[in-house]
């Protein structure tokens, strides 16, 4: 990740389930892998930048 190019976060109410599912879908398409999903559906929204949060999930998966 290039920290010099990070934009300032725009905090909005983000749905973690939706952000994580989008990240898993991106990985699934890119790597042609079907990920089993065990995600609680009643997770409360958080104040976050959804785009940056998705990037965090993708980086965690890529580095796992």
PDB file of N, CA and C in Angstrom:
ATOM      1  N   UNK A   1       0.848  -1.172   0.000  1.00  0.00           N
ATOM      2  CA  UNK A   1       0.000   0.000   0.000  1.00  0.00           C
ATOM      3  C   UNK A   1       0.892   1.234   0.000  1.00  0.00           C
ATOM      4  N   UNK A   2       0.552   2.163  -0.822  1.00  0.00           N
ATOM      5  CA  UNK A   2       1.323   3.399  -0.922  1.00  0.00           C
ATOM      6  C   UNK A   2       0.676   4.455  -0.042  1.00  0.00           C
ATOM      7  N   UNK A   3       1.246   4.664   1.142  1.00  0.00           N
ATOM      8  CA  UNK A   3       0.654   5.585   2.105  1.00  0.00           C
ATOM      9  C   UNK A   3       0.673   7.027   1.622  1.00  0.00           C
ATOM     10  N   UNK A   4       1.585   7.373   0.741  1.00  0.00           N
ATOM     11  CA  UNK A   4       1.665   8.744   0.241  1.00  0.00           C
ATOM     12  C   UNK A   4       0.450   9.102  -0.606  1.00  0.00           C
ATOM     13  N   UNK A   5      -0.216   8.116  -1.166  1.00  0.00           N
ATOM     14  CA  UNK A   5      -1.350   8.376  -2.049  1.00  0.00           C
ATOM     15  C   UNK A   5      -2.702   8.183  -1.370  1.00  0.00           C
ATOM     16  N   UNK A   6      -2.717   7.917  -0.080  1.00  0.00           N
ATOM     17  CA  UNK A   6      -3.983   7.719   0.612  1.00  0.00           C
ATOM     18  C   UNK A   6      -4.736   9.032   0.715  1.00  0.00           C
ATOM     19  N   UNK A   7      -6.010   8.983   0.383  1.00  0.00           N
ATOM     20  CA  UNK A   7      -6.838  10.174   0.523  1.00  0.00           C
ATOM     21  C   UNK A   7      -7.417  10.206   1.929  1.00  0.00           C
ATOM     22  N   UNK A   8      -7.874  11.357   2.315  1.00  0.00           N
ATOM     23  CA  UNK A   8      -8.478  11.493   3.634  1.00  0.00           C
ATOM     24  C   UNK A   8      -9.767  10.677   3.668  1.00  0.00           C
ATOM     25  N   UNK A   9      -9.984   9.965   4.754  1.00  0.00           N
ATOM     26  CA  UNK A   9     -11.159   9.106   4.875  1.00  0.00           C
ATOM     27  C   UNK A   9     -12.427   9.944   4.974  1.00  0.00           C
ATOM     28  N   UNK A  10     -13.462   9.483   4.288  1.00  0.00           N
ATOM     29  CA  UNK A  10     -14.779  10.084   4.392  1.00  0.00           C
ATOM     30  C   UNK A  10     -15.623   9.130   5.216  1.00  0.00           C
ATOM     31  N   UNK A  11     -15.880   9.501   6.456  1.00  0.00           N
ATOM     32  CA  UNK A  11     -16.598   8.609   7.351  1.00  0.00           C
ATOM     33  C   UNK A  11     -18.101   8.706   7.123  1.00  0.00           C
ATOM     34  N   UNK A  12     -18.681   7.568   6.821  1.00  0.00           N
ATOM     35  CA  UNK A  12     -20.127   7.435   6.667  1.00  0.00           C
ATOM     36  C   UNK A  12     -20.533   6.134   7.346  1.00  0.00           C
ATOM     37  N   UNK A  13     -21.815   5.938   7.532  1.00  0.00           N
ATOM     38  CA  UNK A  13     -22.280   4.696   8.124  1.00  0.00           C
ATOM     39  C   UNK A  13     -22.051   3.569   7.117  1.00  0.00           C
ATOM     40  N   UNK A  14     -21.218   2.614   7.483  1.00  0.00           N
ATOM     41  CA  UNK A  14     -20.857   1.522   6.578  1.00  0.00           C
ATOM     42  C   UNK A  14     -21.398   0.197   7.109  1.00  0.00           C
ATOM     43  N   UNK A  15     -21.913  -0.604   6.209  1.00  0.00           N
ATOM     44  CA  UNK A  15     -22.422  -1.925   6.528  1.00  0.00           C
ATOM     45  C   UNK A  15     -21.265  -2.915   6.369  1.00  0.00           C
ATOM     46  N   UNK A  16     -20.735  -3.416   7.486  1.00  0.00           N
ATOM     47  CA  UNK A  16     -19.574  -4.313   7.444  1.00  0.00           C
ATOM     48  C   UNK A  16     -19.846  -5.590   6.658  1.00  0.00           C
ATOM     49  N   UNK A  17     -21.047  -6.123   6.784  1.00  0.00           N
ATOM     50  CA  UNK A  17     -21.392  -7.354   6.067  1.00  0.00           C
ATOM     51  C   UNK A  17     -21.294  -7.114   4.566  1.00  0.00           C
ATOM     52  N   UNK A  18     -21.861  -6.010   4.112  1.00  0.00           N
ATOM     53  CA  UNK A  18     -21.838  -5.681   2.685  1.00  0.00           C
ATOM     54  C   UNK A  18     -20.412  -5.439   2.188  1.00  0.00           C
ATOM     55  N   UNK A  19     -19.620  -4.707   2.965  1.00  0.00           N
ATOM     56  CA  UNK A  19     -18.240  -4.416   2.572  1.00  0.00           C
ATOM     57  C   UNK A  19     -17.430  -5.707   2.492  1.00  0.00           C
ATOM     58  N   UNK A  20     -17.580  -6.572   3.479  1.00  0.00           N
ATOM     59  CA  UNK A  20     -16.839  -7.835   3.486  1.00  0.00           C
ATOM     60  C   UNK A  20     -17.286  -8.751   2.348  1.00  0.00           C
ATOM     61  N   UNK A  21     -18.590  -8.807   2.088  1.00  0.00           N
ATOM     62  CA  UNK A  21     -19.081  -9.637   0.984  1.00  0.00           C
ATOM     63  C   UNK A  21     -18.555  -9.134  -0.358  1.00  0.00           C
ATOM     64  N   UNK A  22     -18.465  -7.823  -0.528  1.00  0.00           N
ATOM     65  CA  UNK A  22     -17.918  -7.262  -1.767  1.00  0.00           C
ATOM     66  C   UNK A  22     -16.438  -7.616  -1.912  1.00  0.00           C
ATOM     67  N   UNK A  23     -15.704  -7.562  -0.806  1.00  0.00           N
ATOM     68  CA  UNK A  23     -14.284  -7.919  -0.846  1.00  0.00           C
ATOM     69  C   UNK A  23     -14.121  -9.396  -1.209  1.00  0.00           C
ATOM     70  N   UNK A  24     -14.933 -10.262  -0.606  1.00  0.00           N
ATOM     71  CA  UNK A  24     -14.854 -11.694  -0.912  1.00  0.00           C
ATOM     72  C   UNK A  24     -15.242 -11.973  -2.362  1.00  0.00           C
ATOM     73  N   UNK A  25     -16.221 -11.240  -2.876  1.00  0.00           N
ATOM     74  CA  UNK A  25     -16.621 -11.409  -4.277  1.00  0.00           C
ATOM     75  C   UNK A  25     -15.486 -11.002  -5.217  1.00  0.00           C
ATOM     76  N   UNK A  26     -14.801  -9.914  -4.883  1.00  0.00           N
ATOM     77  CA  UNK A  26     -13.659  -9.468  -5.682  1.00  0.00           C
ATOM     78  C   UNK A  26     -12.571 -10.534  -5.701  1.00  0.00           C
ATOM     79  N   UNK A  27     -12.242 -11.070  -4.525  1.00  0.00           N
ATOM     80  CA  UNK A  27     -11.221 -12.116  -4.439  1.00  0.00           C
ATOM     81  C   UNK A  27     -11.660 -13.377  -5.178  1.00  0.00           C
ATOM     82  N   UNK A  28     -12.916 -13.726  -5.038  1.00  0.00           N
ATOM     83  CA  UNK A  28     -13.444 -14.929  -5.674  1.00  0.00           C
ATOM     84  C   UNK A  28     -13.335 -14.846  -7.192  1.00  0.00           C
ATOM     85  N   UNK A  29     -13.694 -13.698  -7.751  1.00  0.00           N
ATOM     86  CA  UNK A  29     -13.609 -13.516  -9.206  1.00  0.00           C
ATOM     87  C   UNK A  29     -12.161 -13.478  -9.674  1.00  0.00           C
ATOM     88  N   UNK A  30     -11.327 -12.774  -8.925  1.00  0.00           N
ATOM     89  CA  UNK A  30      -9.932 -12.617  -9.332  1.00  0.00           C
ATOM     90  C   UNK A  30      -9.174 -13.933  -9.287  1.00  0.00           C
ATOM     91  N   UNK A  31      -9.374 -14.695  -8.217  1.00  0.00           N
ATOM     92  CA  UNK A  31      -8.600 -15.918  -8.009  1.00  0.00           C
ATOM     93  C   UNK A  31      -9.366 -17.189  -8.369  1.00  0.00           C
ATOM     94  N   UNK A  32     -10.606 -17.045  -8.842  1.00  0.00           N
ATOM     95  CA  UNK A  32     -11.461 -18.176  -9.189  1.00  0.00           C
ATOM     96  C   UNK A  32     -11.549 -19.174  -8.033  1.00  0.00           C
ATOM     97  N   UNK A  33     -11.845 -18.634  -6.845  1.00  0.00           N
ATOM     98  CA  UNK A  33     -11.973 -19.431  -5.628  1.00  0.00           C
ATOM     99  C   UNK A  33     -13.339 -19.151  -5.023  1.00  0.00           C
ATOM    100  N   UNK A  34     -13.996 -20.198  -4.539  1.00  0.00           N
ATOM    101  CA  UNK A  34     -15.273 -20.025  -3.856  1.00  0.00           C
ATOM    102  C   UNK A  34     -15.010 -20.021  -2.353  1.00  0.00           C
ATOM    103  N   UNK A  35     -15.225 -18.881  -1.721  1.00  0.00           N
ATOM    104  CA  UNK A  35     -14.985 -18.746  -0.290  1.00  0.00           C
ATOM    105  C   UNK A  35     -16.242 -19.097   0.488  1.00  0.00           C
ATOM    106  N   UNK A  36     -16.128 -19.991   1.478  1.00  0.00           N
ATOM    107  CA  UNK A  36     -17.283 -20.215   2.353  1.00  0.00           C
ATOM    108  C   UNK A  36     -17.469 -18.967   3.222  1.00  0.00           C
ATOM    109  N   UNK A  37     -18.706 -18.573   3.435  1.00  0.00           N
ATOM    110  CA  UNK A  37     -18.968 -17.354   4.210  1.00  0.00           C
ATOM    111  C   UNK A  37     -19.772 -17.686   5.454  1.00  0.00           C
ATOM    112  N   UNK A  38     -19.244 -17.309   6.581  1.00  0.00           N
ATOM    113  CA  UNK A  38     -19.935 -17.446   7.856  1.00  0.00           C
ATOM    114  C   UNK A  38     -19.931 -16.069   8.507  1.00  0.00           C
ATOM    115  N   UNK A  39     -20.806 -15.211   8.034  1.00  0.00           N
ATOM    116  CA  UNK A  39     -20.837 -13.828   8.495  1.00  0.00           C
ATOM    117  C   UNK A  39     -22.163 -13.585   9.208  1.00  0.00           C
ATOM    118  N   UNK A  40     -22.087 -13.103  10.426  1.00  0.00           N
ATOM    119  CA  UNK A  40     -23.299 -12.743  11.157  1.00  0.00           C
ATOM    120  C   UNK A  40     -24.018 -11.632  10.406  1.00  0.00           C
ATOM    121  N   UNK A  41     -25.308 -11.751  10.246  1.00  0.00           N
ATOM    122  CA  UNK A  41     -26.052 -10.753   9.475  1.00  0.00           C
ATOM    123  C   UNK A  41     -26.507  -9.569  10.316  1.00  0.00           C
ATOM    124  N   UNK A  42     -26.434  -9.691  11.637  1.00  0.00           N
ATOM    125  CA  UNK A  42     -26.939  -8.614  12.494  1.00  0.00           C
ATOM    126  C   UNK A  42     -25.828  -7.713  13.045  1.00  0.00           C
ATOM    127  N   UNK A  43     -24.726  -7.600  12.327  1.00  0.00           N
ATOM    128  CA  UNK A  43     -23.632  -6.721  12.743  1.00  0.00           C
ATOM    129  C   UNK A  43     -24.065  -5.275  12.532  1.00  0.00           C
ATOM    130  N   UNK A  44     -23.867  -4.462  13.550  1.00  0.00           N
ATOM    131  CA  UNK A  44     -24.267  -3.056  13.492  1.00  0.00           C
ATOM    132  C   UNK A  44     -23.365  -2.276  12.543  1.00  0.00           C
ATOM    133  N   UNK A  45     -23.917  -1.286  11.845  1.00  0.00           N
ATOM    134  CA  UNK A  45     -23.098  -0.430  10.978  1.00  0.00           C
ATOM    135  C   UNK A  45     -22.051   0.321  11.801  1.00  0.00           C
ATOM    136  N   UNK A  46     -20.964   0.687  11.156  1.00  0.00           N
ATOM    137  CA  UNK A  46     -19.899   1.456  11.804  1.00  0.00           C
ATOM    138  C   UNK A  46     -19.638   2.712  10.987  1.00  0.00           C
ATOM    139  N   UNK A  47     -19.055   3.708  11.617  1.00  0.00           N
ATOM    140  CA  UNK A  47     -18.657   4.917  10.904  1.00  0.00           C
ATOM    141  C   UNK A  47     -17.278   4.645  10.311  1.00  0.00           C
ATOM    142  N   UNK A  48     -17.209   4.577   8.993  1.00  0.00           N
ATOM    143  CA  UNK A  48     -15.951   4.241   8.319  1.00  0.00           C
ATOM    144  C   UNK A  48     -16.029   4.664   6.861  1.00  0.00           C
ATOM    145  N   UNK A  49     -14.887   4.644   6.208  1.00  0.00           N
ATOM    146  CA  UNK A  49     -14.821   4.841   4.765  1.00  0.00           C
ATOM    147  C   UNK A  49     -14.913   3.445   4.158  1.00  0.00           C
ATOM    148  N   UNK A  50     -16.041   3.126   3.556  1.00  0.00           N
ATOM    149  CA  UNK A  50     -16.279   1.781   3.033  1.00  0.00           C
ATOM    150  C   UNK A  50     -15.242   1.329   2.031  1.00  0.00           C
ATOM    151  N   UNK A  51     -14.789   2.253   1.184  1.00  0.00           N
ATOM    152  CA  UNK A  51     -13.785   1.921   0.167  1.00  0.00           C
ATOM    153  C   UNK A  51     -12.460   1.538   0.819  1.00  0.00           C
ATOM    154  N   UNK A  52     -12.035   2.315   1.800  1.00  0.00           N
ATOM    155  CA  UNK A  52     -10.774   2.006   2.483  1.00  0.00           C
ATOM    156  C   UNK A  52     -10.910   0.738   3.318  1.00  0.00           C
ATOM    157  N   UNK A  53     -12.077   0.539   3.908  1.00  0.00           N
ATOM    158  CA  UNK A  53     -12.305  -0.663   4.700  1.00  0.00           C
ATOM    159  C   UNK A  53     -12.250  -1.908   3.816  1.00  0.00           C
ATOM    160  N   UNK A  54     -12.814  -1.820   2.624  1.00  0.00           N
ATOM    161  CA  UNK A  54     -12.744  -2.948   1.692  1.00  0.00           C
ATOM    162  C   UNK A  54     -11.294  -3.220   1.307  1.00  0.00           C
ATOM    163  N   UNK A  55     -10.516  -2.164   1.119  1.00  0.00           N
ATOM    164  CA  UNK A  55      -9.095  -2.316   0.792  1.00  0.00           C
ATOM    165  C   UNK A  55      -8.361  -3.035   1.932  1.00  0.00           C
ATOM    166  N   UNK A  56      -8.728  -2.730   3.174  1.00  0.00           N
ATOM    167  CA  UNK A  56      -8.117  -3.405   4.332  1.00  0.00           C
ATOM    168  C   UNK A  56      -8.421  -4.900   4.281  1.00  0.00           C
ATOM    169  N   UNK A  57      -9.689  -5.252   4.044  1.00  0.00           N
ATOM    170  CA  UNK A  57     -10.062  -6.668   3.970  1.00  0.00           C
ATOM    171  C   UNK A  57      -9.316  -7.378   2.841  1.00  0.00           C
ATOM    172  N   UNK A  58      -9.204  -6.715   1.687  1.00  0.00           N
ATOM    173  CA  UNK A  58      -8.481  -7.316   0.556  1.00  0.00           C
ATOM    174  C   UNK A  58      -7.006  -7.510   0.889  1.00  0.00           C
ATOM    175  N   UNK A  59      -6.397  -6.526   1.536  1.00  0.00           N
ATOM    176  CA  UNK A  59      -4.985  -6.647   1.921  1.00  0.00           C
ATOM    177  C   UNK A  59      -4.784  -7.767   2.931  1.00  0.00           C
ATOM    178  N   UNK A  60      -5.692  -7.893   3.894  1.00  0.00           N
ATOM    179  CA  UNK A  60      -5.587  -8.983   4.872  1.00  0.00           C
ATOM    180  C   UNK A  60      -5.657 -10.338   4.173  1.00  0.00           C
ATOM    181  N   UNK A  61      -6.578 -10.486   3.249  1.00  0.00           N
ATOM    182  CA  UNK A  61      -6.717 -11.755   2.529  1.00  0.00           C
ATOM    183  C   UNK A  61      -5.498 -12.029   1.652  1.00  0.00           C
ATOM    184  N   UNK A  62      -4.993 -10.998   0.992  1.00  0.00           N
ATOM    185  CA  UNK A  62      -3.822 -11.177   0.127  1.00  0.00           C
ATOM    186  C   UNK A  62      -2.580 -11.563   0.916  1.00  0.00           C
ATOM    187  N   UNK A  63      -2.479 -11.091   2.146  1.00  0.00           N
ATOM    188  CA  UNK A  63      -1.293 -11.352   2.960  1.00  0.00           C
ATOM    189  C   UNK A  63      -1.444 -12.569   3.865  1.00  0.00           C
ATOM    190  N   UNK A  64      -2.597 -13.223   3.810  1.00  0.00           N
ATOM    191  CA  UNK A  64      -2.829 -14.386   4.683  1.00  0.00           C
ATOM    192  C   UNK A  64      -2.092 -15.604   4.156  1.00  0.00           C
TER     193      UNK A  64
END
